[in-house]
């Protein structure tokens, strides 16, 4: 299997040899981080989830996971986020979903949304 390492700007072209679902060797990496990345990508790939969530009264707020989540479960997490209807104000860094699906990972706001001014 061939991968391009994304850990640093070098973008090393990695070759991974697997046997019975296990990584037996990684080559092409110029640092130990490339090997770690390749093993993780082949055994338990993860991704930082970035998306949007609905805000009450209309509109969207950008959100992300504060740590990478298992790649195979991203649709499940998206379904949870899609059920949100958040009340402003929302501030960058606010935890919108704590410990999503018991992963220990939080979904946080990445944009400020002001409250509605009903007197305007």
Protein backbone atom coordinates (compact mmCIF):
# COMPACT_ATOMS: atom_id res chain seq x y z
CA UNK A 1 0.00 0.00 0.00
CA UNK A 2 1.29 3.49 -0.83
CA UNK A 3 0.53 6.59 1.23
CA UNK A 4 1.67 10.17 1.30
CA UNK A 5 2.57 11.25 4.81
CA UNK A 6 0.68 14.38 5.90
CA UNK A 7 2.33 14.88 9.29
CA UNK A 8 4.82 17.49 8.09
CA UNK A 9 5.45 19.53 4.91
CA UNK A 10 7.91 16.97 3.46
CA UNK A 11 5.06 14.74 2.21
CA UNK A 12 7.12 11.55 2.20
CA UNK A 13 5.91 8.80 -0.13
CA UNK A 14 5.43 5.82 2.16
CA UNK A 15 5.24 2.15 1.27
CA UNK A 16 3.45 -0.03 3.79
CA UNK A 17 3.65 -3.81 3.80
CA UNK A 18 0.84 -5.63 5.56
CA UNK A 19 0.38 -9.27 6.42
CA UNK A 20 -2.85 -10.66 7.88
CA UNK A 21 -4.10 -7.12 8.53
CA UNK A 22 -0.97 -6.12 10.46
CA UNK A 23 1.65 -3.63 9.36
CA UNK A 24 4.98 -5.43 9.10
CA UNK A 25 7.08 -2.64 7.58
CA UNK A 26 7.01 1.02 6.57
CA UNK A 27 9.56 2.54 4.22
CA UNK A 28 10.07 5.93 2.60
CA UNK A 29 9.69 7.96 5.77
CA UNK A 30 12.42 10.43 6.70
CA UNK A 31 11.40 10.62 10.35
CA UNK A 32 9.70 8.39 12.95
CA UNK A 33 6.48 10.40 12.64
CA UNK A 34 5.95 9.02 9.13
CA UNK A 35 6.08 5.46 10.38
CA UNK A 36 3.65 6.25 13.20
CA UNK A 37 1.28 7.96 10.72
CA UNK A 38 1.39 5.00 8.31
CA UNK A 39 0.69 2.44 11.01
CA UNK A 40 -2.22 4.48 12.36
CA UNK A 41 -3.66 5.10 8.90
CA UNK A 42 -3.55 1.38 8.12
CA UNK A 43 -4.84 0.09 11.46
CA UNK A 44 -7.12 2.80 12.92
CA UNK A 45 -7.53 5.82 10.64
CA UNK A 46 -8.78 8.99 12.33
CA UNK A 47 -9.88 12.39 11.08
CA UNK A 48 -10.67 15.76 12.62
CA UNK A 49 -14.34 16.33 11.84
CA UNK A 50 -15.17 19.79 10.51
CA UNK A 51 -18.72 20.71 9.57
CA UNK A 52 -21.53 23.11 10.42
CA UNK A 53 -24.44 23.00 12.87
CA UNK A 54 -27.80 24.74 12.74
CA UNK A 55 -28.40 27.86 14.80
CA UNK A 56 -31.89 28.66 16.11
CA UNK A 57 -33.49 31.42 14.07
CA UNK A 58 -31.59 30.41 10.95
CA UNK A 59 -27.99 30.21 9.96
CA UNK A 60 -25.10 27.92 10.63
CA UNK A 61 -22.05 27.86 12.86
CA UNK A 62 -18.82 26.10 11.93
CA UNK A 63 -17.77 23.34 14.32
CA UNK A 64 -15.00 20.77 14.66
CA UNK A 65 -13.91 17.91 16.86
CA UNK A 66 -11.23 18.89 19.36
CA UNK A 67 -9.33 15.68 18.57
CA UNK A 68 -9.43 13.24 15.66
CA UNK A 69 -12.31 10.74 15.61
CA UNK A 70 -12.37 7.23 14.12
CA UNK A 71 -12.81 7.68 10.36
CA UNK A 72 -15.29 4.82 10.03
CA UNK A 73 -17.71 6.46 12.47
CA UNK A 74 -17.81 9.98 10.97
CA UNK A 75 -21.31 9.52 9.49
CA UNK A 76 -22.62 8.57 12.94
CA UNK A 77 -21.11 11.73 14.46
CA UNK A 78 -22.50 13.83 11.59
CA UNK A 79 -25.99 12.50 12.34
CA UNK A 80 -25.64 13.63 15.95
CA UNK A 81 -24.39 17.09 14.94
CA UNK A 82 -27.18 17.44 12.37
CA UNK A 83 -29.75 17.17 15.19
CA UNK A 84 -28.44 20.32 16.89
CA UNK A 85 -30.37 23.58 16.86
CA UNK A 86 -28.14 25.87 18.88
CA UNK A 87 -29.20 29.05 20.66
CA UNK A 88 -26.98 32.09 20.23
CA UNK A 89 -24.78 33.59 21.45
CA UNK A 90 -22.10 31.05 20.54
CA UNK A 91 -18.40 31.73 21.07
CA UNK A 92 -15.32 30.21 19.48
CA UNK A 93 -14.25 27.30 21.68
CA UNK A 94 -17.68 26.67 23.23
CA UNK A 95 -18.21 22.95 23.72
CA UNK A 96 -21.41 22.20 21.80
CA UNK A 97 -21.38 18.43 22.33
CA UNK A 98 -19.39 17.09 25.25
CA UNK A 99 -17.89 13.62 24.93
CA UNK A 100 -19.62 12.76 21.63
CA UNK A 101 -20.74 9.13 21.70
CA UNK A 102 -18.57 8.46 24.78
CA UNK A 103 -15.32 9.04 22.84
CA UNK A 104 -13.91 11.64 25.23
CA UNK A 105 -13.86 14.02 22.26
CA UNK A 106 -15.83 17.26 22.16
CA UNK A 107 -17.46 19.14 19.30
CA UNK A 108 -16.56 22.82 19.60
CA UNK A 109 -17.59 26.04 17.87
CA UNK A 110 -15.07 27.62 15.52
CA UNK A 111 -17.03 30.82 14.89
CA UNK A 112 -18.72 33.47 16.99
CA UNK A 113 -22.47 33.89 16.54
CA UNK A 114 -24.05 36.93 18.19
CA UNK A 115 -27.33 36.75 20.03
CA UNK A 116 -30.48 37.98 18.38
CA UNK A 117 -31.32 41.60 19.17
CA UNK A 118 -35.11 41.61 19.40
CA UNK A 119 -35.17 45.39 20.05
CA UNK A 120 -33.61 46.29 16.71
